[in-house]
Amino acid sequence: MGNADPSSVYFDMPTSVTVNKKGEKSVIVKSAGNEKSRITVMLVCLTDGNKLPPAVILKRKTEPKEAMPAGIIVHA
């Protein structure tokens, strides 16, 4: 028995806080245009205290060809 927690990780998370001079009429917020692109990471902890490797779920049809770090499970 265990507990699983899916967490969304966004590729581009623009902040709602800016640092500009007081009285500026416009403020530019830079973004890469990927505000809605995300992956899902599933973290699992068992009742005996063991943690399973993180599972990364991609929103695409094929798995990436690049090598992933050891100990991470990737699904597409």
Protein backbone atom coordinates (compact mmCIF):
# COMPACT_ATOMS: atom_id res chain seq x y z
CA MET A 1 0.00 0.00 0.00
CA GLY A 2 1.23 3.50 -0.70
CA ASN A 3 0.43 7.10 -1.49
CA ALA A 4 0.77 8.56 -4.99
CA ASP A 5 0.84 12.27 -5.76
CA PRO A 6 0.71 13.57 -9.34
CA SER A 7 2.20 17.05 -9.74
CA SER A 8 2.14 19.25 -12.83
CA VAL A 9 5.40 20.92 -13.82
CA TYR A 10 5.07 23.76 -16.33
CA PHE A 11 7.86 24.51 -18.81
CA ASP A 12 7.35 28.28 -18.64
CA MET A 13 6.01 29.82 -15.44
CA PRO A 14 5.92 33.61 -15.85
CA THR A 15 5.81 35.44 -12.57
CA SER A 16 3.10 37.88 -11.57
CA VAL A 17 5.65 40.11 -9.79
CA THR A 18 7.87 42.56 -11.67
CA VAL A 19 10.67 44.88 -10.60
CA ASN A 20 10.56 48.25 -12.35
CA LYS A 21 10.87 51.91 -11.52
CA LYS A 22 7.92 53.42 -9.73
CA GLY A 23 5.54 55.20 -12.11
CA GLU A 24 6.38 53.19 -15.27
CA LYS A 25 3.45 53.20 -17.69
CA SER A 26 4.16 49.76 -19.15
CA VAL A 27 6.01 46.69 -17.96
CA ILE A 28 7.25 43.96 -20.28
CA VAL A 29 6.87 40.38 -19.00
CA LYS A 30 9.05 38.01 -21.03
CA SER A 31 7.74 34.54 -21.79
CA ALA A 32 8.73 31.70 -24.10
CA GLY A 33 5.08 31.08 -25.07
CA ASN A 34 4.86 27.71 -23.30
CA GLU A 35 2.62 28.72 -20.41
CA LYS A 36 0.28 25.78 -21.01
CA SER A 37 2.91 23.15 -21.88
CA ARG A 38 3.52 20.82 -18.96
CA ILE A 39 4.60 17.39 -17.84
CA THR A 40 3.14 15.34 -15.02
CA VAL A 41 5.44 13.85 -12.38
CA MET A 42 4.08 11.01 -10.23
CA LEU A 43 5.73 10.62 -6.82
CA VAL A 44 4.97 7.47 -4.79
CA CYS A 45 5.80 6.60 -1.17
CA LEU A 46 4.98 3.17 0.26
CA THR A 47 3.73 2.51 3.80
CA ASP A 48 7.03 0.90 4.79
CA GLY A 49 8.84 4.17 4.00
CA ASN A 50 10.29 3.19 0.62
CA LYS A 51 10.04 5.71 -2.21
CA LEU A 52 9.51 4.56 -5.79
CA PRO A 53 11.40 6.23 -8.66
CA PRO A 54 9.60 9.29 -10.05
CA ALA A 55 7.44 8.60 -13.10
CA VAL A 56 7.38 11.37 -15.73
CA ILE A 57 4.33 11.42 -18.01
CA LEU A 58 4.74 13.38 -21.25
CA LYS A 59 1.84 14.73 -23.28
CA ARG A 60 3.01 13.31 -26.61
CA LYS A 61 2.70 10.10 -28.62
CA THR A 62 6.35 9.01 -28.68
CA GLU A 63 9.00 8.87 -26.00
CA PRO A 64 12.03 11.18 -26.45
CA LYS A 65 15.14 9.67 -28.02
CA GLU A 66 17.47 11.48 -25.63
CA ALA A 67 18.76 9.52 -22.67
CA MET A 68 16.96 10.27 -19.40
CA PRO A 69 18.73 10.39 -16.03
CA ALA A 70 19.05 7.06 -14.25
CA GLY A 71 16.18 6.17 -11.90
CA ILE A 72 13.45 8.11 -13.72
CA ILE A 73 10.61 6.28 -15.50
CA VAL A 74 9.31 8.08 -18.62
CA HIS A 75 5.94 7.41 -20.31
CA ALA A 76 4.44 9.12 -23.35
